[in-house]
Amino acid sequence: FANLDATVDSVGEIFANLDATVDSVGEIPANLGATVDSVGEIPANLGATVDSVGEIPANLGATVDSVSEIPVSGGSTVDSVTLPPGQQAAGQKAADQKASGDSRLATMDSISSSSFAADMMSRAGDPHARTLENTLVIQPRVLGNQATSAGKVTGRRDYDLLDKLGEGGMGIVYTARQESIRRVVALKMLKAAGTHQANQREKFLAEAVITGDLEHPNIVPIYDLGRDENGAIFYAMKRVQGTPWDKLVTKKSLQENLDILLKVADAVGFAHSKQVIHRDLKPENVMLGDFGEVLVMDWGLAITVGRSTQFAMGGTPAYMAPEMVLGPPSEIGVRSDVYLLGAILYEFLVGHRPHGGQTITQCLMAASRNVITPTEKTGELVEIALRAMATKPNDRYAGVRELQEAIRSYQSHFESISLSTRAQEDLAEAQRGDRYESFARALFGFQEAVALWDGNDKARDGALQTALAYGRSAQRRGDFDLGLSLLDGAVEEHRALAGELRAAQRERELRNQRLKAARRIGAALIATIFLIITGAAIWIKMEAD
């Protein structure tokens, strides 16, 4: 068993580092970068999407669609562990349903994309049931593969498969050329194993239906839905040339990450207007295009509010809101996505995800209790993130727009904060050199910062301290009028300095008055002497004549 880039349907034991898609796994003691549909026990560090999990003692940054039983604190299931008051009944109801044979809540992880989607999974095996597969018009398409099918497909081909882009829980994504208009698209195809499973086909189609209904600049558009000659279902969508946000988030500046988050929120807000909840928002599911595009991907866990009455509790444990772990389903709504947006904000602010743990059980328990990994960082943005991640949905922002307004308010403050930071540097320089121009620049910076954001208390205090220091500099130079013009009489320190300046000003005025008097007396004496000398000269001349 080597390093596989393979699709595995049933695996007993694989002692290898797999980059594989696993549908059913008994035990895999390996470090997997894999997508897992059904897992018995995986003692590994997974960065995977998990559909159904028995027990995974691993640290997951993974998406979990359905968790049937995860032993916690002595083998209790998630439904009955650390439920807050008022939700014990919901957990007991789920347990009763499970005991009575109704396992849909534990196994169904499909999207609800229509009014009948809630029970489509139970009907998927009935050829006459009103399922998506029976109601959608799925066009037959001819696919070719330039790399492996040269010469095998003759005549018209709708799509030519070019390269494999990636692989997820249900499907494989290729780049393909749409021959009808000769454009390159991304083509997502249901895996071979899923092609023969009605529930997998329904999940895949529901994802296409929901994504296709969300026409927004920040959501990948769906172009076509079809079935190839072998019966495999696929859909074609816009190919985005770019990089997942999680690969770049640490390389972006704070402002760049905030701008990306606001665009993600635009897409999510639009989805909410269509009653669609994403449930799996995280940087990994956001694609950053090479030309500035920001696109929210992977709507595979999305549900439709008001239409979905039964669905699995799903999401990524490191980001999940408490109600996404504990339920009941009726609690999951707009504010659950607000929580996820707050979790993303928290992650790129502090450098780690909100929930952690050595095992998936610990991570899920942290999410269920809303235990957020602490940080020493503080500030307005951290407070915004923490409010968005409040334990009770009603304590969070009411919707995406309110969260955006809070972030934009911070952004409007950001320039004010930047100005006050530069002004603080100018003040330090002024104090070192005792230079008027540096004091003036610092004072102007603080005053502008306050003008931009009246709540910038640091800038307001900075302006007062700068005026005081500027005033003392003026005092040392004898510019008492300048010093007095800088001071605020409502501030005690300013009043004290103003008193000193006025006293010095009076002393100077008295000194000036005495000097003026002396000058007048001197002038009078000079004039008197001049008159005496002049008179004497005249008298002497007259006597001589």
Protein backbone atom coordinates (compact mmCIF):
# COMPACT_ATOMS: atom_id res chain seq x y z
CA PHE A 1 0.00 0.00 0.00
CA ALA A 2 1.61 3.20 -1.17
CA ASN A 3 0.73 6.88 -1.38
CA LEU A 4 -2.59 6.67 -3.18
CA ASP A 5 -4.45 9.25 -5.17
CA ALA A 6 -7.34 6.88 -5.47
CA THR A 7 -11.03 6.39 -4.82
CA VAL A 8 -11.58 3.66 -2.29
CA ASP A 9 -15.00 2.08 -1.80
CA SER A 10 -14.28 -0.29 1.03
CA VAL A 11 -11.11 -0.39 3.03
CA GLY A 12 -10.20 -2.78 5.78
CA GLU A 13 -6.87 -1.41 6.87
CA ILE A 14 -4.51 0.93 5.01
CA PHE A 15 -1.16 1.77 6.58
CA ALA A 16 -0.38 4.60 4.21
CA ASN A 17 -0.48 8.35 3.86
CA LEU A 18 -3.53 8.68 1.66
CA ASP A 19 -4.72 11.56 -0.44
CA ALA A 20 -7.80 9.55 -1.22
CA THR A 21 -11.57 9.60 -1.19
CA VAL A 22 -12.93 6.99 1.16
CA ASP A 23 -16.57 5.95 1.10
CA SER A 24 -16.57 3.30 3.77
CA VAL A 25 -13.71 2.74 6.17
CA GLY A 26 -13.23 0.20 8.87
CA GLU A 27 -10.04 1.43 10.44
CA ILE A 28 -7.37 3.68 8.92
CA PRO A 29 -4.46 4.45 11.26
CA ALA A 30 -3.00 7.02 8.89
CA ASN A 31 -2.66 10.74 8.40
CA LEU A 32 -5.34 11.39 5.83
CA GLY A 33 -5.90 14.34 3.58
CA ALA A 34 -9.01 12.51 2.55
CA THR A 35 -12.74 12.91 2.13
CA VAL A 36 -14.61 10.37 4.21
CA ASP A 37 -18.25 9.41 3.77
CA SER A 38 -18.65 6.78 6.43
CA VAL A 39 -16.06 6.13 9.10
CA GLY A 40 -15.84 3.55 11.81
CA GLU A 41 -12.76 4.70 13.64
CA ILE A 42 -9.95 6.93 12.33
CA PRO A 43 -7.22 7.80 14.82
CA ALA A 44 -5.79 10.43 12.51
CA ASN A 45 -5.47 14.17 12.02
CA LEU A 46 -8.09 14.88 9.36
CA GLY A 47 -8.69 17.94 7.27
CA ALA A 48 -11.61 16.21 5.65
CA THR A 49 -15.30 16.41 4.97
CA VAL A 50 -17.10 13.76 6.97
CA ASP A 51 -20.65 12.67 6.18
CA SER A 52 -21.24 10.05 8.81
CA VAL A 53 -18.98 9.47 11.77
CA GLY A 54 -18.98 6.71 14.31
CA GLU A 55 -15.95 7.62 16.37
CA ILE A 56 -13.08 9.85 15.26
CA PRO A 57 -10.52 10.60 17.97
CA ALA A 58 -8.83 13.25 15.86
CA ASN A 59 -8.32 16.99 15.71
CA LEU A 60 -10.56 17.94 12.82
CA GLY A 61 -10.83 21.04 10.77
CA ALA A 62 -13.36 18.95 8.95
CA THR A 63 -16.93 19.26 7.83
CA VAL A 64 -19.23 16.81 9.59
CA ASP A 65 -22.60 16.13 8.00
CA SER A 66 -24.00 13.53 10.29
CA VAL A 67 -22.68 12.21 13.57
CA SER A 68 -24.52 9.10 14.66
CA GLU A 69 -22.72 8.50 17.93
CA ILE A 70 -19.55 10.07 19.30
CA PRO A 71 -18.46 8.67 22.68
CA VAL A 72 -17.95 11.47 25.16
CA SER A 73 -17.25 11.29 28.89
CA GLY A 74 -18.05 7.65 29.34
CA GLY A 75 -19.73 6.82 26.07
CA SER A 76 -22.64 9.27 26.05
CA THR A 77 -23.90 10.39 22.69
CA VAL A 78 -23.89 14.03 21.53
CA ASP A 79 -27.68 14.12 21.89
CA SER A 80 -27.46 13.55 25.61
CA VAL A 81 -24.24 15.29 26.61
CA THR A 82 -24.08 18.74 28.20
CA LEU A 83 -27.41 19.83 26.80
CA PRO A 84 -28.39 23.22 28.21
CA PRO A 85 -31.68 23.53 30.11
CA GLY A 86 -34.62 23.47 27.80
CA GLN A 87 -32.90 21.36 25.17
CA GLN A 88 -32.84 18.07 27.01
CA ALA A 89 -36.25 17.32 25.55
CA ALA A 90 -34.98 17.81 22.03
CA GLY A 91 -32.11 15.43 22.65
CA GLN A 92 -34.45 12.88 24.22
CA LYS A 93 -36.81 13.15 21.26
CA ALA A 94 -33.96 12.41 18.86
CA ALA A 95 -32.90 9.48 21.04
CA ASP A 96 -36.47 8.15 21.10
CA GLN A 97 -36.70 8.41 17.33
CA LYS A 98 -33.41 6.56 17.01
CA ALA A 99 -34.56 3.84 19.39
CA SER A 100 -37.84 3.41 17.52
CA GLY A 101 -36.08 2.88 14.23
CA ASP A 102 -36.46 6.38 12.80
CA SER A 103 -32.83 7.04 11.89
CA ARG A 104 -33.36 9.80 9.33
CA LEU A 105 -32.18 12.53 11.70
CA ALA A 106 -28.95 10.63 12.27
CA THR A 107 -28.17 9.72 8.69
CA MET A 108 -29.70 12.28 6.35
CA ASP A 109 -27.33 15.09 5.45
CA SER A 110 -28.90 16.33 2.24
CA ILE A 111 -29.83 19.85 1.27
CA SER A 112 -33.48 20.79 1.42
CA SER A 113 -34.01 22.53 -1.90
CA SER A 114 -37.79 22.42 -2.22
CA SER A 115 -40.94 21.92 -0.19
CA PHE A 116 -40.74 18.17 -0.69
CA ALA A 117 -37.00 17.88 -0.08
CA ALA A 118 -37.36 17.09 3.61
CA ASP A 119 -38.46 13.53 2.90
CA MET A 120 -36.93 13.00 -0.53
CA MET A 121 -34.22 10.81 0.95
CA SER A 122 -36.76 8.32 2.25
CA ARG A 123 -38.44 8.28 -1.16
CA ALA A 124 -35.25 8.13 -3.22
CA GLY A 125 -35.58 4.40 -3.91
CA ASP A 126 -39.16 4.73 -5.19
CA PRO A 127 -39.17 5.30 -8.98
CA HIS A 128 -42.56 6.99 -8.71
CA ALA A 129 -41.68 9.27 -5.79
CA ARG A 130 -41.59 13.03 -6.20
CA THR A 131 -37.81 13.33 -5.82
CA LEU A 132 -35.44 15.80 -7.44
CA GLU A 133 -34.19 13.15 -9.82
CA ASN A 134 -37.75 12.49 -10.99
CA THR A 135 -38.80 16.15 -11.25
CA LEU A 136 -35.72 17.89 -12.65
CA VAL A 137 -35.05 17.94 -16.37
CA ILE A 138 -31.60 16.35 -16.49
CA GLN A 139 -30.29 16.56 -20.03
CA PRO A 140 -28.26 13.70 -21.51
CA ARG A 141 -24.75 14.89 -22.30
CA VAL A 142 -21.78 13.34 -24.05
CA LEU A 143 -18.49 13.68 -22.21
CA GLY A 144 -15.06 13.12 -23.67
CA ASN A 145 -11.66 12.95 -22.07
CA GLN A 146 -8.78 14.34 -24.10
CA ALA A 147 -6.23 12.55 -21.94
CA THR A 148 -7.69 9.02 -21.89
CA SER A 149 -10.60 8.85 -24.30
CA ALA A 150 -9.01 9.92 -27.56
CA GLY A 151 -10.63 7.97 -30.31
CA LYS A 152 -13.23 6.32 -28.09
CA VAL A 153 -15.86 9.06 -28.39
CA THR A 154 -16.99 9.79 -31.88
CA GLY A 155 -19.37 12.46 -33.11
CA ARG A 156 -20.71 15.28 -30.95
CA ARG A 157 -19.27 15.84 -27.50
CA ASP A 158 -20.84 18.33 -25.12
CA TYR A 159 -17.85 18.53 -22.80
CA ASP A 160 -14.21 17.53 -23.01
CA LEU A 161 -12.68 16.76 -19.61
CA LEU A 162 -9.26 18.36 -19.33
CA ASP A 163 -7.80 18.08 -15.82
CA LYS A 164 -8.87 17.00 -12.37
CA LEU A 165 -9.16 20.01 -10.05
CA GLY A 166 -10.10 18.36 -6.81
CA GLU A 167 -12.23 15.86 -4.98
CA GLY A 168 -14.86 16.24 -2.28
CA GLY A 169 -17.18 14.07 -0.25
CA MET A 170 -19.66 13.40 -3.07
CA GLY A 171 -17.98 14.45 -6.25
CA ILE A 172 -14.92 15.06 -8.34
CA VAL A 173 -14.29 18.42 -9.98
CA TYR A 174 -12.68 18.69 -13.41
CA THR A 175 -11.83 21.49 -15.75
CA ALA A 176 -13.70 20.87 -18.97
CA ARG A 177 -14.29 22.58 -22.28
CA GLN A 178 -17.94 23.22 -23.08
CA GLU A 179 -17.89 22.61 -26.79
CA SER A 180 -21.14 24.46 -27.58
CA ILE A 181 -19.51 27.82 -26.91
CA ARG A 182 -15.88 26.74 -26.51
CA ARG A 183 -15.42 27.97 -22.98
CA VAL A 184 -13.60 26.29 -20.11
CA VAL A 185 -15.80 25.45 -17.12
CA ALA A 186 -15.55 23.54 -13.88
CA LEU A 187 -17.48 20.30 -14.05
CA LYS A 188 -18.47 18.54 -10.83
CA MET A 189 -19.39 14.91 -11.27
CA LEU A 190 -20.90 12.51 -8.77
CA LYS A 191 -18.45 9.78 -7.85
CA ALA A 192 -18.87 6.34 -9.33
CA ALA A 193 -19.97 4.85 -6.01
CA GLY A 194 -22.58 7.57 -5.52
CA THR A 195 -24.01 7.10 -9.00
CA HIS A 196 -25.63 3.85 -7.84
CA GLN A 197 -26.94 5.28 -4.55
CA ALA A 198 -30.24 7.15 -4.77
CA ASN A 199 -29.60 9.16 -1.63
CA GLN A 200 -26.23 10.34 -2.93
CA ARG A 201 -27.81 11.37 -6.23
CA GLU A 202 -30.46 13.37 -4.35
CA LYS A 203 -27.84 15.11 -2.24
CA PHE A 204 -25.81 15.99 -5.28
CA LEU A 205 -28.82 17.29 -7.22
CA ALA A 206 -30.05 19.30 -4.25
CA GLU A 207 -26.66 21.03 -4.00
CA ALA A 208 -26.90 21.93 -7.69
CA VAL A 209 -30.48 23.20 -7.30
CA ILE A 210 -29.72 25.45 -4.35
CA THR A 211 -26.50 26.82 -5.85
CA GLY A 212 -28.20 27.36 -9.19
CA ASP A 213 -30.93 29.42 -7.56
CA LEU A 214 -28.42 31.79 -5.96
CA GLU A 215 -27.41 34.21 -8.69
CA HIS A 216 -24.99 36.61 -7.05
CA PRO A 217 -21.55 38.04 -7.97
CA ASN A 218 -20.01 36.28 -4.97
CA ILE A 219 -21.57 32.86 -5.61
CA VAL A 220 -20.33 30.51 -8.31
CA PRO A 221 -22.98 30.33 -11.08
CA ILE A 222 -24.27 26.99 -12.35
CA TYR A 223 -24.37 26.67 -16.14
CA ASP A 224 -25.76 23.22 -16.83
CA LEU A 225 -27.04 20.00 -15.22
CA GLY A 226 -26.66 16.75 -17.10
CA ARG A 227 -26.11 13.01 -17.10
CA ASP A 228 -23.41 11.28 -19.11
CA GLU A 229 -23.72 8.11 -21.17
CA ASN A 230 -22.85 5.99 -18.13
CA GLY A 231 -25.58 7.54 -16.01
CA ALA A 232 -23.28 9.73 -13.93
CA ILE A 233 -24.85 13.04 -12.90
CA PHE A 234 -22.81 16.23 -13.17
CA TYR A 235 -23.23 19.97 -13.24
CA ALA A 236 -21.11 22.59 -14.97
CA MET A 237 -20.24 25.86 -13.26
CA LYS A 238 -17.95 28.81 -13.66
CA ARG A 239 -14.29 27.90 -13.44
CA VAL A 240 -12.57 30.19 -10.96
CA GLN A 241 -8.84 30.60 -11.34
CA GLY A 242 -7.64 31.37 -7.87
CA THR A 243 -6.73 30.10 -4.43
CA PRO A 244 -8.83 29.09 -1.42
CA TRP A 245 -8.89 31.83 1.20
CA ASP A 246 -7.46 29.57 3.89
CA LYS A 247 -4.22 29.34 1.90
CA LEU A 248 -3.85 33.12 1.80
CA VAL A 249 -5.51 34.37 4.97
CA THR A 250 -2.23 34.71 6.89
CA LYS A 251 -0.63 36.55 3.97
CA LYS A 252 -3.39 39.14 3.69
CA SER A 253 -3.50 42.35 5.67
CA LEU A 254 -6.26 42.92 8.20
CA GLN A 255 -8.05 45.31 5.87
CA GLU A 256 -7.82 42.86 2.96
CA ASN A 257 -9.28 40.05 5.06
CA LEU A 258 -12.06 42.35 6.27
CA ASP A 259 -12.92 43.29 2.69
CA ILE A 260 -13.06 39.60 1.73
CA LEU A 261 -15.26 38.80 4.73
CA LEU A 262 -17.68 41.60 3.78
CA LYS A 263 -18.00 40.17 0.26
CA VAL A 264 -18.61 36.71 1.70
CA ALA A 265 -21.26 38.27 3.93
CA ASP A 266 -22.84 39.88 0.84
CA ALA A 267 -23.27 36.41 -0.68
CA VAL A 268 -24.57 34.92 2.55
CA GLY A 269 -27.00 37.80 3.04
CA PHE A 270 -28.33 37.22 -0.47
CA ALA A 271 -28.76 33.52 0.28
CA HIS A 272 -30.65 34.42 3.45
CA SER A 273 -33.00 36.55 1.37
CA LYS A 274 -33.78 33.30 -0.46
CA GLN A 275 -34.27 31.52 2.90
CA VAL A 276 -31.07 29.49 2.35
CA ILE A 277 -28.65 28.85 5.25
CA HIS A 278 -25.13 27.77 4.24
CA ARG A 279 -24.09 26.04 7.52
CA ASP A 280 -20.46 25.47 6.51
CA LEU A 281 -18.87 28.88 6.11
CA LYS A 282 -15.10 28.84 6.59
CA PRO A 283 -12.06 30.20 4.71
CA GLU A 284 -11.57 26.86 2.98
CA ASN A 285 -14.95 27.28 1.28
CA VAL A 286 -14.16 30.73 -0.13
CA MET A 287 -12.27 31.02 -3.42
CA LEU A 288 -10.20 34.12 -4.14
CA GLY A 289 -9.90 34.66 -7.86
CA ASP A 290 -6.76 35.92 -9.52
CA PHE A 291 -8.59 39.04 -10.63
CA GLY A 292 -10.22 40.08 -7.37
CA GLU A 293 -13.18 37.70 -7.33
CA VAL A 294 -14.47 36.44 -3.98
CA LEU A 295 -16.73 33.41 -4.37
CA VAL A 296 -18.51 31.37 -1.70
CA MET A 297 -18.27 27.69 -2.58
CA ASP A 298 -19.61 24.36 -1.36
CA TRP A 299 -23.30 24.72 -0.60
CA GLY A 300 -23.52 20.99 0.10
CA LEU A 301 -24.85 21.43 3.65
CA ALA A 302 -27.25 24.26 2.84
CA ILE A 303 -30.84 24.06 4.05
CA THR A 304 -33.93 26.05 3.21
CA VAL A 305 -35.53 27.71 6.23
CA GLY A 306 -39.20 26.92 6.60
CA ARG A 307 -39.03 23.97 4.21
CA SER A 308 -36.51 21.77 5.97
CA THR A 309 -38.03 19.99 8.93
CA GLN A 310 -35.67 17.03 9.11
CA PHE A 311 -31.98 17.15 8.34
CA ALA A 312 -28.76 16.06 9.94
CA MET A 313 -26.86 18.34 12.26
CA GLY A 314 -23.79 19.24 10.25
CA GLY A 315 -20.91 21.65 9.87
CA THR A 316 -17.23 22.01 10.69
CA PRO A 317 -16.66 21.38 14.43
CA ALA A 318 -13.97 24.05 14.82
CA TYR A 319 -16.46 26.72 13.70
CA MET A 320 -19.89 25.37 14.63
CA ALA A 321 -22.45 27.27 16.71
CA PRO A 322 -23.91 25.44 19.72
CA GLU A 323 -27.30 24.90 18.07
CA MET A 324 -25.56 23.30 15.07
CA VAL A 325 -24.30 20.57 17.40
CA LEU A 326 -27.18 20.25 19.85
CA GLY A 327 -30.16 21.22 17.75
CA PRO A 328 -33.05 21.16 17.55
CA PRO A 329 -33.21 21.85 13.78
CA SER A 330 -35.71 24.64 14.36
CA GLU A 331 -32.97 26.63 16.13
CA ILE A 332 -30.75 26.69 13.04
CA GLY A 333 -31.24 29.84 10.99
CA VAL A 334 -29.77 33.13 9.87
CA ARG A 335 -27.95 33.68 13.15
CA SER A 336 -26.20 30.34 12.79
CA ASP A 337 -24.49 31.68 9.67
CA VAL A 338 -23.82 34.95 11.54
CA TYR A 339 -21.98 32.82 14.11
CA LEU A 340 -19.87 31.21 11.36
CA LEU A 341 -18.96 34.62 9.92
CA GLY A 342 -17.95 35.73 13.40
CA ALA A 343 -15.87 32.56 13.75
CA ILE A 344 -14.01 33.38 10.52
CA LEU A 345 -13.41 36.93 11.76
CA TYR A 346 -12.12 35.58 15.07
CA GLU A 347 -9.80 33.15 13.29
CA PHE A 348 -7.95 35.71 11.20
CA LEU A 349 -7.83 38.18 14.08
CA VAL A 350 -6.28 35.87 16.68
CA GLY A 351 -4.64 33.22 14.48
CA HIS A 352 -6.63 30.15 15.47
CA ARG A 353 -10.13 28.70 15.13
CA PRO A 354 -12.72 29.32 17.84
CA HIS A 355 -13.10 25.68 18.99
CA GLY A 356 -10.33 23.18 19.56
CA GLY A 357 -9.64 19.79 21.02
CA GLN A 358 -7.47 16.72 20.68
CA THR A 359 -10.37 14.69 19.31
CA ILE A 360 -13.44 15.43 17.26
CA THR A 361 -15.48 14.64 20.36
CA GLN A 362 -13.67 17.32 22.35
CA CYS A 363 -14.03 19.79 19.51
CA LEU A 364 -17.75 19.11 19.20
CA MET A 365 -18.17 19.38 22.95
CA ALA A 366 -16.39 22.74 22.91
CA ALA A 367 -18.71 23.88 20.14
CA SER A 368 -21.80 22.61 21.97
CA ARG A 369 -20.80 24.58 25.09
CA ASN A 370 -19.50 27.49 23.04
CA VAL A 371 -16.08 27.20 24.65
CA ILE A 372 -14.01 29.60 22.57
CA THR A 373 -10.25 29.17 22.62
CA PRO A 374 -9.07 32.29 24.47
CA THR A 375 -6.81 34.99 23.14
CA GLU A 376 -4.88 37.85 24.67
CA LYS A 377 -5.85 40.12 21.81
CA THR A 378 -8.48 42.75 22.48
CA GLY A 379 -10.14 45.54 20.58
CA GLU A 380 -13.27 46.51 18.73
CA LEU A 381 -13.03 43.77 16.11
CA VAL A 382 -12.53 41.03 18.70
CA GLU A 383 -15.62 42.31 20.50
CA ILE A 384 -17.57 42.20 17.23
CA ALA A 385 -16.47 38.60 16.63
CA LEU A 386 -17.39 37.54 20.16
CA ARG A 387 -20.83 39.12 19.90
CA ALA A 388 -21.42 37.31 16.60
CA MET A 389 -20.43 34.08 18.40
CA ALA A 390 -22.67 34.60 21.42
CA THR A 391 -24.01 31.35 22.87
CA LYS A 392 -27.66 32.32 22.49
CA PRO A 393 -28.72 33.18 18.93
CA ASN A 394 -30.78 36.14 20.18
CA ASP A 395 -27.64 37.68 21.69
CA ARG A 396 -25.90 37.74 18.28
CA TYR A 397 -26.34 40.25 15.50
CA ALA A 398 -29.84 39.89 14.10
CA GLY A 399 -28.56 39.30 10.60
CA VAL A 400 -25.66 39.60 8.20
CA ARG A 401 -26.35 43.28 7.52
CA GLU A 402 -26.02 44.19 11.20
CA LEU A 403 -22.69 42.36 11.39
CA GLN A 404 -21.50 44.16 8.25
CA GLU A 405 -22.51 47.51 9.70
CA ALA A 406 -20.45 46.81 12.82
CA ILE A 407 -17.41 45.89 10.71
CA ARG A 408 -17.83 48.91 8.44
CA SER A 409 -18.15 51.11 11.50
CA TYR A 410 -14.80 49.74 12.62
CA GLN A 411 -13.35 50.42 9.17
CA SER A 412 -14.48 54.03 9.38
CA HIS A 413 -12.68 54.12 12.73
CA PHE A 414 -9.60 52.51 11.27
CA GLU A 415 -8.42 55.69 9.53
CA SER A 416 -9.02 57.57 12.74
CA ILE A 417 -6.95 55.02 14.63
CA SER A 418 -4.20 55.22 11.99
CA LEU A 419 -4.11 59.01 12.23
CA SER A 420 -3.87 58.92 16.00
CA THR A 421 -1.06 56.33 15.81
CA ARG A 422 0.95 58.56 13.49
CA ALA A 423 0.15 61.56 15.68
CA GLN A 424 1.53 59.70 18.69
CA GLU A 425 4.80 59.20 16.80
CA ASP A 426 4.90 62.91 15.90
CA LEU A 427 4.32 63.80 19.55
CA ALA A 428 7.26 61.64 20.65
CA GLU A 429 9.44 63.33 18.03
CA ALA A 430 8.28 66.79 19.14
CA GLN A 431 9.09 66.06 22.76
CA ARG A 432 12.57 64.85 21.84
CA GLY A 433 13.38 67.88 19.68
CA ASP A 434 11.09 70.50 21.28
CA ARG A 435 10.11 71.60 17.79
CA TYR A 436 6.98 73.63 17.11
CA GLU A 437 6.33 72.03 13.71
CA SER A 438 6.31 68.51 15.21
CA PHE A 439 3.93 69.60 17.98
CA ALA A 440 1.66 71.25 15.42
CA ARG A 441 1.66 68.12 13.21
CA ALA A 442 0.86 65.84 16.16
CA LEU A 443 -1.95 68.11 17.39
CA PHE A 444 -3.49 68.30 13.92
CA GLY A 445 -3.33 64.49 13.56
CA PHE A 446 -5.12 63.90 16.86
CA GLN A 447 -7.77 66.52 16.08
CA GLU A 448 -8.43 64.99 12.64
CA ALA A 449 -8.69 61.52 14.21
CA VAL A 450 -11.37 62.80 16.60
CA ALA A 451 -13.18 64.52 13.73
CA LEU A 452 -13.32 61.20 11.82
CA TRP A 453 -14.48 59.23 14.84
CA ASP A 454 -15.87 61.04 17.82
CA GLY A 455 -15.52 57.91 19.92
CA ASN A 456 -11.75 57.75 19.53
CA ASP A 457 -10.95 58.47 23.17
CA LYS A 458 -7.23 57.77 22.73
CA ALA A 459 -7.04 60.46 20.05
CA ARG A 460 -8.99 62.87 22.23
CA ASP A 461 -6.62 62.25 25.15
CA GLY A 462 -3.67 62.52 22.76
CA ALA A 463 -4.85 65.91 21.56
CA LEU A 464 -5.08 67.17 25.15
CA GLN A 465 -1.63 65.85 26.04
CA THR A 466 -0.13 67.30 22.86
CA ALA A 467 -1.69 70.71 23.53
CA LEU A 468 -0.28 70.61 27.06
CA ALA A 469 3.21 69.67 25.86
CA TYR A 470 2.99 72.26 23.07
CA GLY A 471 1.93 74.86 25.63
CA ARG A 472 4.89 74.07 27.89
CA SER A 473 7.20 74.40 24.92
CA ALA A 474 5.67 77.81 24.21
CA GLN A 475 6.12 78.73 27.89
CA ARG A 476 9.80 77.91 27.73
CA ARG A 477 10.16 80.13 24.70
CA GLY A 478 8.12 82.94 26.16
CA ASP A 479 5.30 82.53 23.59
CA PHE A 480 2.63 82.96 26.26
CA ASP A 481 -0.13 83.95 23.87
CA LEU A 482 0.51 80.86 21.73
CA GLY A 483 0.51 78.66 24.81
CA LEU A 484 -2.77 80.11 26.06
CA SER A 485 -4.40 79.61 22.66
CA LEU A 486 -3.66 75.86 22.84
CA LEU A 487 -5.14 75.13 26.25
CA ASP A 488 -8.60 73.91 27.29
CA GLY A 489 -9.90 75.59 30.41
CA ALA A 490 -12.05 72.56 31.23
CA VAL A 491 -8.97 70.41 31.87
CA GLU A 492 -7.27 70.80 35.25
CA GLU A 493 -3.70 70.44 33.97
CA HIS A 494 -4.45 72.94 31.24
CA ARG A 495 -5.89 75.38 33.79
CA ALA A 496 -2.77 75.10 35.90
CA LEU A 497 -0.49 75.82 32.97
CA ALA A 498 -2.78 78.61 31.82
CA GLY A 499 -2.40 80.18 35.28
CA GLU A 500 1.39 80.02 34.99
CA LEU A 501 1.25 81.50 31.51
CA ARG A 502 -1.01 84.35 32.58
CA ALA A 503 1.22 85.10 35.59
CA ALA A 504 4.27 85.12 33.32
CA GLN A 505 2.34 87.23 30.86
CA ARG A 506 1.46 89.79 33.58
CA GLU A 507 5.03 89.86 34.81
CA ARG A 508 6.20 90.51 31.30
CA GLU A 509 3.62 93.26 30.87
CA LEU A 510 4.74 94.91 34.12
CA ARG A 511 8.32 94.60 33.04
CA ASN A 512 7.43 96.13 29.72
CA GLN A 513 5.57 98.94 31.45
CA ARG A 514 8.57 99.69 33.67
CA LEU A 515 10.83 99.58 30.66
CA LYS A 516 8.54 101.96 28.80
CA ALA A 517 8.48 104.34 31.79
CA ALA A 518 12.24 104.22 32.00
CA ARG A 519 12.45 104.90 28.32
CA ARG A 520 10.14 107.89 28.68
CA ILE A 521 12.14 109.29 31.58
CA GLY A 522 15.34 108.73 29.64
CA ALA A 523 13.89 110.46 26.62
CA ALA A 524 12.77 113.39 28.80
CA LEU A 525 16.21 113.67 30.36
CA ILE A 526 17.85 113.59 26.96
CA ALA A 527 15.43 116.23 25.71
CA THR A 528 16.10 118.39 28.79
CA ILE A 529 19.84 118.04 28.42
CA PHE A 530 19.54 118.83 24.74
CA LEU A 531 17.51 121.96 25.51
CA ILE A 532 19.96 123.05 28.16
CA ILE A 533 22.93 122.53 25.88
CA THR A 534 21.18 124.23 23.01
CA GLY A 535 20.13 127.18 25.23
CA ALA A 536 23.62 127.48 26.64
CA ALA A 537 25.12 127.51 23.18
CA ILE A 538 22.75 130.24 22.10
CA TRP A 539 23.49 132.32 25.23
CA ILE A 540 27.23 131.97 24.77
CA LYS A 541 26.97 133.07 21.17
CA MET A 542 24.86 136.04 22.12
CA GLU A 543 27.34 137.04 24.80
CA ALA A 544 30.17 136.80 22.35
CA ASP A 545 28.40 139.05 19.89
